[in-house]
Structures are given as C-alpha cells and as structure tokens.
Protein backbone atom coordinates (compact mmCIF):
# COMPACT_ATOMS: atom_id res chain seq x y z
CA MET A 1 70.08 -1.74 12.37
CA ASN A 2 72.60 -2.93 14.74
CA LEU A 3 70.32 -2.60 17.59
CA LYS A 4 67.73 -4.90 16.03
CA LYS A 5 70.44 -7.48 15.35
CA SER A 6 71.57 -7.41 18.78
CA VAL A 7 68.17 -7.89 20.27
CA LEU A 8 67.39 -10.67 17.56
CA ALA A 9 70.49 -12.29 18.62
CA ILE A 10 69.72 -12.14 22.58
CA THR A 11 66.08 -13.42 22.06
CA LEU A 12 67.38 -16.23 19.96
CA ALA A 13 70.13 -17.17 22.39
CA ILE A 14 67.44 -17.16 25.27
CA SER A 15 65.13 -19.14 23.20
CA THR A 16 67.37 -21.63 22.43
CA ALA A 17 68.26 -21.88 26.15
CA ILE A 18 64.76 -22.40 27.05
CA ALA A 19 64.15 -25.16 24.60
CA ALA A 20 67.07 -27.05 25.42
CA THR A 21 66.05 -27.05 29.43
CA PRO A 22 64.40 -30.26 30.20
CA ALA A 23 61.53 -30.30 32.23
CA PHE A 24 62.89 -33.04 34.69
CA ALA A 25 66.64 -33.58 34.82
CA VAL A 26 66.96 -37.72 34.34
CA GLU A 27 70.30 -39.20 34.38
CA GLY A 28 70.70 -41.73 31.62
CA THR A 29 71.85 -44.95 32.83
CA SER A 30 71.40 -48.48 31.73
CA GLU A 31 69.53 -50.82 33.81
CA ALA A 32 71.44 -54.06 34.87
CA LYS A 33 69.78 -57.46 35.11
CA ALA A 34 68.08 -57.70 38.68
CA CYS A 35 69.93 -59.70 41.20
CA TYR A 36 68.06 -61.83 43.49
CA PRO A 37 69.30 -62.84 47.19
CA THR A 38 70.17 -66.46 48.08
CA ALA A 39 69.56 -65.84 51.74
CA VAL A 40 68.25 -63.12 53.80
CA THR A 41 68.87 -62.92 57.33
CA ARG A 42 67.32 -60.56 60.07
CA SER A 43 68.37 -59.33 63.39
CA GLU A 44 66.18 -60.32 66.40
CA ASP A 45 65.51 -56.58 67.04
CA GLY A 46 64.66 -55.91 63.63
CA THR A 47 67.41 -53.09 63.25
CA GLU A 48 69.48 -54.85 60.62
CA ILE A 49 68.77 -56.95 57.50
CA ARG A 50 71.38 -58.59 55.48
CA LYS A 51 70.68 -59.89 51.92
CA MET A 52 73.32 -62.21 50.44
CA TYR A 53 73.75 -62.38 46.67
CA ASP A 54 75.92 -65.06 45.27
CA LEU A 55 76.82 -64.04 41.72
CA GLY A 56 78.59 -65.79 38.92
CA PRO A 57 81.45 -64.16 36.64
CA ASN A 58 78.52 -63.17 34.03
CA ASP A 59 76.47 -61.58 36.63
CA ASP A 60 76.54 -57.94 37.15
CA PRO A 61 76.44 -56.62 40.83
CA ALA A 62 74.89 -53.00 39.62
CA GLY A 63 71.65 -55.21 39.53
CA ILE A 64 71.66 -55.58 43.36
CA PRO A 65 68.83 -53.57 44.90
CA ARG A 66 70.05 -50.56 46.78
CA SER A 67 66.76 -48.75 47.63
CA ASP A 68 65.30 -47.79 50.78
CA PHE A 69 62.39 -50.24 51.64
CA ALA A 70 59.99 -50.72 54.34
CA GLN A 71 58.99 -53.93 56.46
CA ASP A 72 57.71 -55.14 59.22
CA GLY A 73 57.30 -51.72 60.81
CA PHE A 74 60.77 -50.46 60.16
CA SER A 75 62.42 -48.43 56.99
CA TYR A 76 65.64 -49.79 55.88
CA THR A 77 68.51 -47.82 54.21
CA LEU A 78 71.45 -49.67 52.63
CA VAL A 79 74.36 -48.66 54.77
CA ASP A 80 77.02 -51.12 53.04
CA LEU A 81 77.76 -53.51 50.29
CA LEU A 82 80.41 -56.22 51.24
CA LYS A 83 82.17 -58.29 48.51
CA GLN A 84 83.42 -61.53 49.55
CA GLU A 85 85.42 -64.16 47.42
CA LEU A 86 83.90 -67.45 48.31
CA PRO A 87 86.60 -70.33 48.94
CA GLU A 88 86.20 -73.36 46.60
CA ASN A 89 84.82 -75.31 49.48
CA GLU A 90 82.99 -73.73 52.29
CA SER A 91 82.14 -75.70 55.54
CA ARG A 92 81.57 -75.17 59.30
CA GLN A 93 79.84 -77.14 62.34
CA HIS A 94 76.11 -76.39 62.78
CA THR A 95 73.56 -77.39 65.35
CA GLN A 96 69.88 -77.34 64.81
CA THR A 97 67.15 -77.64 67.73
CA VAL A 98 64.17 -79.70 66.84
CA THR A 99 60.68 -79.64 68.44
CA VAL A 100 58.12 -82.68 68.24
CA ASP A 101 55.06 -83.88 70.22
CA SER A 102 54.63 -86.96 72.26
CA LYS A 103 51.93 -88.54 73.85
CA SER A 104 54.22 -90.37 76.20
CA LYS A 105 57.26 -89.64 78.22
CA ASP A 106 58.62 -93.40 77.97
CA MET A 107 62.18 -92.74 76.25
CA ALA A 108 61.70 -95.50 73.94
CA THR A 109 58.64 -94.06 72.48
CA VAL A 110 60.35 -90.44 72.44
CA LEU A 111 63.39 -91.73 70.69
CA ALA A 112 61.19 -93.26 68.03
CA LEU A 113 60.01 -90.06 66.83
CA LEU A 114 63.67 -88.80 66.69
CA PRO A 115 65.82 -90.08 63.72
CA GLU A 116 69.37 -90.75 64.41
CA THR A 117 70.31 -88.35 61.62
CA LYS A 118 68.66 -85.36 59.79
CA GLU A 119 69.61 -83.84 56.40
CA PHE A 120 69.67 -79.82 56.85
CA ILE A 121 70.20 -76.91 54.71
CA THR A 122 71.20 -73.35 56.47
CA GLU A 123 69.81 -70.08 55.52
CA ASP A 124 72.89 -69.19 53.83
CA GLY A 125 72.82 -72.11 51.48
CA LEU A 126 75.00 -74.76 53.30
CA SER A 127 73.96 -78.33 53.58
CA GLY A 128 74.96 -81.50 55.44
CA THR A 129 73.69 -84.58 57.57
CA LEU A 130 73.35 -83.74 61.20
CA ALA A 131 73.20 -86.30 64.07
CA LEU A 132 70.93 -86.60 67.01
CA LYS A 133 72.73 -85.73 70.41
CA LEU A 134 71.31 -88.13 73.03
CA ASP A 135 72.01 -86.01 75.85
CA SER A 136 70.31 -83.02 74.70
CA VAL A 137 66.89 -84.79 74.45
CA LYS A 138 64.49 -83.11 76.78
CA VAL A 139 60.77 -84.19 77.64
CA GLU A 140 58.35 -81.55 79.29
CA VAL A 141 54.74 -81.75 79.80
CA ALA A 142 52.74 -79.99 77.25
CA GLY A 143 49.65 -79.37 79.08
CA TYR A 144 47.09 -80.42 81.51
CA GLY A 145 43.52 -81.38 81.25
CA SER A 146 40.76 -82.80 83.66
CA SER A 147 37.91 -85.25 83.21
CA THR A 148 34.75 -86.09 85.32
CA LYS A 149 33.82 -89.38 86.28
CA GLU A 150 30.59 -90.48 87.54
CA LEU A 151 30.16 -92.73 90.99
CA THR A 152 27.79 -94.95 92.23
CA ALA A 153 27.15 -97.11 95.31
CA THR A 154 24.33 -99.16 96.99
CA ARG A 155 23.52 -99.68 100.43
CA THR A 156 20.89 -102.29 102.04
CA TYR A 157 19.15 -101.74 104.98
CA PRO A 158 17.27 -104.96 106.37
CA SER A 159 14.33 -105.81 109.18
CA LEU A 160 12.97 -102.04 109.26
CA VAL A 161 9.64 -101.68 110.69
CA SER A 162 8.24 -99.37 108.14
CA GLN A 163 8.95 -97.99 104.94
CA ASP A 164 10.07 -94.91 106.64
CA THR A 165 12.87 -93.06 104.95
CA SER A 166 14.02 -91.08 107.75
CA GLY A 167 16.20 -93.90 109.11
CA ILE A 168 17.88 -93.96 105.79
CA PRO A 169 21.31 -91.94 105.53
CA LYS A 170 20.86 -89.07 102.94
CA SER A 171 24.68 -89.46 102.10
CA VAL A 172 27.63 -91.98 102.48
CA GLU A 173 31.01 -92.03 102.01
CA ASP A 174 32.76 -94.45 99.52
CA ASN A 175 36.25 -94.79 98.82
CA GLY A 176 36.77 -91.38 99.92
CA HIS A 177 34.17 -89.69 98.07
CA GLU A 178 30.87 -88.44 99.41
CA LEU A 179 27.85 -89.76 97.59
CA THR A 180 24.12 -88.52 98.03
CA LEU A 181 20.98 -90.50 98.04
CA GLN A 182 19.44 -91.01 94.87
CA SER A 183 16.58 -93.66 95.19
CA ILE A 184 15.16 -96.41 97.46
CA ASP A 185 14.09 -99.82 96.57
CA TRP A 186 11.79 -101.53 99.15
CA GLN A 187 11.26 -105.06 99.65
CA THR A 188 8.87 -106.96 102.07
CA ASP A 189 10.48 -109.79 104.23
CA SER A 190 8.53 -112.74 104.89
CA ASP A 191 8.30 -111.86 108.86
CA GLY A 192 6.44 -108.65 107.69
CA HIS A 193 9.57 -106.32 108.05
CA PHE A 194 11.11 -104.25 105.25
CA THR A 195 14.31 -104.24 103.49
CA ALA A 196 15.41 -100.91 101.71
CA THR A 197 18.07 -100.94 98.94
CA ALA A 198 19.45 -97.27 98.67
CA THR A 199 21.07 -96.10 95.54
CA TYR A 200 23.72 -93.35 96.20
CA ALA A 201 25.61 -91.06 93.28
CA GLY A 202 28.35 -88.75 93.11
CA SER A 203 30.86 -87.59 90.95
CA THR A 204 34.86 -87.03 90.85
CA THR A 205 37.21 -84.52 88.84
CA SER A 206 40.81 -85.63 88.15
CA SER A 207 43.33 -84.02 86.21
CA TYR A 208 45.63 -85.71 83.71
CA ILE A 209 48.58 -84.94 81.20
CA LYS A 210 47.59 -83.94 77.64
CA GLY A 211 50.84 -84.45 76.28
CA TYR A 212 54.56 -83.79 76.05
CA THR A 213 56.90 -81.71 74.14
CA VAL A 214 60.32 -83.18 72.88
CA THR A 215 63.24 -80.87 72.40
CA ALA A 216 66.58 -82.02 70.97
CA ASP A 217 69.63 -80.93 69.16
CA TYR A 218 71.08 -82.52 65.67
CA THR A 219 74.78 -81.21 65.33
CA GLY A 220 77.27 -81.77 62.28
CA THR A 221 79.14 -80.35 59.43
CA VAL A 222 77.39 -78.30 56.87
CA SER A 223 79.01 -77.27 53.59
CA ARG A 224 79.08 -76.37 49.92
CA ILE A 225 81.04 -75.92 46.91
CA ALA A 226 81.24 -72.36 45.81
CA LEU A 227 81.25 -72.73 41.90
CA ASN A 228 83.04 -69.78 41.23
CA LYS A 229 80.85 -67.46 42.86
CA THR A 230 81.30 -63.99 44.48
CA ARG A 231 79.30 -63.18 47.19
CA TYR A 232 77.97 -59.73 48.12
CA VAL A 233 76.21 -58.63 51.34
CA ALA A 234 73.98 -55.77 51.03
CA ILE A 235 73.52 -54.69 54.89
CA PHE A 236 70.57 -52.56 55.34
CA GLU A 237 69.99 -50.50 58.87
CA GLY A 238 66.38 -50.26 60.07
CA THR A 239 64.78 -47.43 61.90
CA ALA A 240 61.17 -47.96 63.63
CA ILE A 241 58.42 -46.25 61.82
CA LYS A 242 56.70 -43.66 63.68
CA PRO A 243 53.49 -42.39 62.48
CA VAL A 244 53.10 -38.81 61.99
CA ILE A 245 49.76 -36.91 63.03
CA PRO A 246 49.49 -33.92 61.09
CA ALA A 247 47.99 -30.81 63.05
CA GLU A 248 44.26 -30.26 62.32
CA ASP A 249 44.53 -26.58 62.03
CA ASP A 250 47.63 -26.66 59.62
CA PRO A 251 46.66 -26.30 56.06
CA VAL A 252 50.33 -27.02 54.98
CA THR A 253 50.21 -30.44 56.29
CA GLU A 254 46.94 -31.66 54.84
CA ASN A 255 48.46 -32.36 51.91
CA PRO A 256 52.40 -32.11 52.24
CA ALA A 257 52.81 -33.97 48.98
CA SER A 258 51.51 -30.83 46.89
CA VAL A 259 54.17 -28.73 49.01
CA LEU A 260 57.09 -31.19 48.54
CA THR A 261 56.79 -32.39 44.85
CA PHE A 262 55.91 -29.25 43.13
CA PRO A 263 58.62 -28.82 40.35
CA TRP A 264 59.59 -25.07 41.42
CA LYS A 265 62.95 -25.25 39.66
CA VAL A 266 61.26 -26.18 36.34
CA PHE A 267 58.65 -23.40 36.86
CA LEU A 268 61.25 -20.63 37.89
CA VAL A 269 63.81 -21.17 34.92
CA PRO A 270 61.63 -20.08 32.19
CA VAL A 271 60.39 -17.02 34.30
CA GLY A 272 63.97 -16.21 34.89
CA PHE A 273 64.73 -16.27 31.02
CA VAL A 274 61.67 -14.26 30.15
CA ALA A 275 63.01 -11.79 32.69
CA ILE A 276 66.30 -11.86 31.24
CA LEU A 277 64.71 -11.02 27.83
CA GLY A 278 62.82 -8.16 28.80
CA ILE A 279 65.61 -6.36 30.41
CA ALA A 280 67.39 -7.00 27.21
CA VAL A 281 64.50 -5.59 24.98
CA GLY A 282 64.33 -2.73 27.38
CA ALA A 283 67.97 -1.77 27.48
CA GLY A 284 67.64 -1.75 23.61
CA ILE A 285 64.80 0.66 23.52
CA VAL A 286 66.43 3.04 25.73
CA TYR A 287 69.92 2.99 23.94
CA LYS A 288 67.56 3.47 20.47
CA ARG A 289 65.81 6.63 21.91
CA LYS A 290 69.08 8.20 23.29
CA ARG A 291 71.02 7.80 19.98
CA GLU A 292 67.97 9.48 18.11
CA GLU A 293 67.97 12.45 20.62
CA SER A 294 71.62 12.54 20.02
CA ASP A 295 71.09 12.68 16.27
CA GLY A 296 68.32 15.34 16.54
CA ASP A 297 70.88 17.60 18.84
CA GLY A 298 73.36 17.11 16.29
CA GLU A 299 71.34 18.45 13.36
C-alpha cells in the first residue's frame, strides 16, 4: 500500500510539473507608449545613427525603441542611450549654404535671386533668421551647349564670254568661313557677254554657356525654448550587411531557420519528465518484487 502511494505521489508531482511548464517563456512586461524621434542624424559613412527624443514630464522613456534595425545596407544596434537635461533656452551660431541657378553671371541679377535674410530650422529643431554673407557668394558655369548657324554669300562674275561654269570658283572664304558653291544665276549683258551670280553656303558651330550655379552662405543664431523637456539620444552603431551565400550541397544551410528556431528546450523538458517517471515506476516494481521474495522466504 505504501508503495502504491509513493508511486502515485511521484506521478502526481511530475504531472503537475509538466502542466506548469510553459511552451514558451514570455516575460510579462507592460508596454510603454511608443516615443517618436524629434530629429535623426546619420554619419557620412553610415556607421552611426543618432535618434533624439525630447520627452515631457509625462512621457515614459521606456517607449524609446531599442531594437536592432536595418537601413541602407547597414544593420544597426543600440550601443548607448544618453540623457540630457535641456536648458530653458538653447542657442548657437549656424551657417547654411544654399544653391540657386542663374541665367546670368551679372552680380545684380545674382543678388536678386538671394534674399538678404532666410528663415531656417536645423535638424535638431533649433530655428532662427540667417543673414546672407556677401563675401561668400560664388558664381560658376553650370554647363556648355553648342549651336550651328547657317551662312550664305553671293559673288558676281561679269563680262563672261559664255556660260561656262569652269571659270566660277567652287568655294570662297567669307569672314573667315569657307563656303561652297550652291547655285549660279546667269544674265545676258547688252554687249552679248554674260554675268554670273553665284550663291555660296556653309555653316559654323559655336559654343555657349547654358547657365550658372550660384552658392552662398547664410549665417546667424538659431535657438529654441526647451519647455521643460528632457532629451534622450539613442546611439545606434551600424555594421555593413554582407550577403551570405549558402553552399549548394549543404543541406543544413538550405533552411537554416528550421535548425535555429526549433524549440528543443520545449521538446526535451517533457521527455525528461517522462524518463524520470519511468525510472520511479521501475524502482517501485523492483522494490515490490524483492519484498514479496523476502516475505516468501520468511514463511
């Protein structure tokens, strides 16, 4: 009777443990309200992205995303989260370069395209009025084009004995351009001679400037009022993503997700409990037989 109770107790304990084991362990955490960045900056080489969050007193910084992400061929991982107490008023000097197109390099025309002041907002939210720096204005040729012009000229050859074209020049030079004979108009003079009016044609190609590119700097003070905000700067470090080409004859790499994501722990835990149960039951049976044999020998 004691043996049956022991086996029953072990079985019940193991069954309770199996039932209490979850299929997937999930950490119960309450989700904070998502926060969105007020500004994002990226290094020129793409190895770092900084996301700035200006949170108020009622905003929970737990809502700042910290997960890895991929962008523009880089994989980014959070390496630091900085907290900055913003001053009541933040200001600094800022210079902004602008570029405009112009049809003329005449300075009066160029300056008409550039306002004396310009409102500007920086990437991190500071704003202000910037003033044009006249000594920074530069005008450069934007490009060249070409055009072809048709040329014509006439020559008169009087007192010719006959309408023989062999005496008419096949080409002439006009203002530095060579023209070729196109047609001849004959007229008969009163004395029986002939006058030839020859028409010559040609073309010339010239280049011209398509336009100009104007660059200029605007400088001034930009500022903002913090409004009781706290800034958090999430710094993500980027690593270039290199494509992985699996081996053609490697069956493991054909579907790596099936190997990496199979829940082995979930599968092995029940199997372990069943094995323990089997050992306990077997030990109980052996103990019972030995006890029966001992009782038989005693009789």
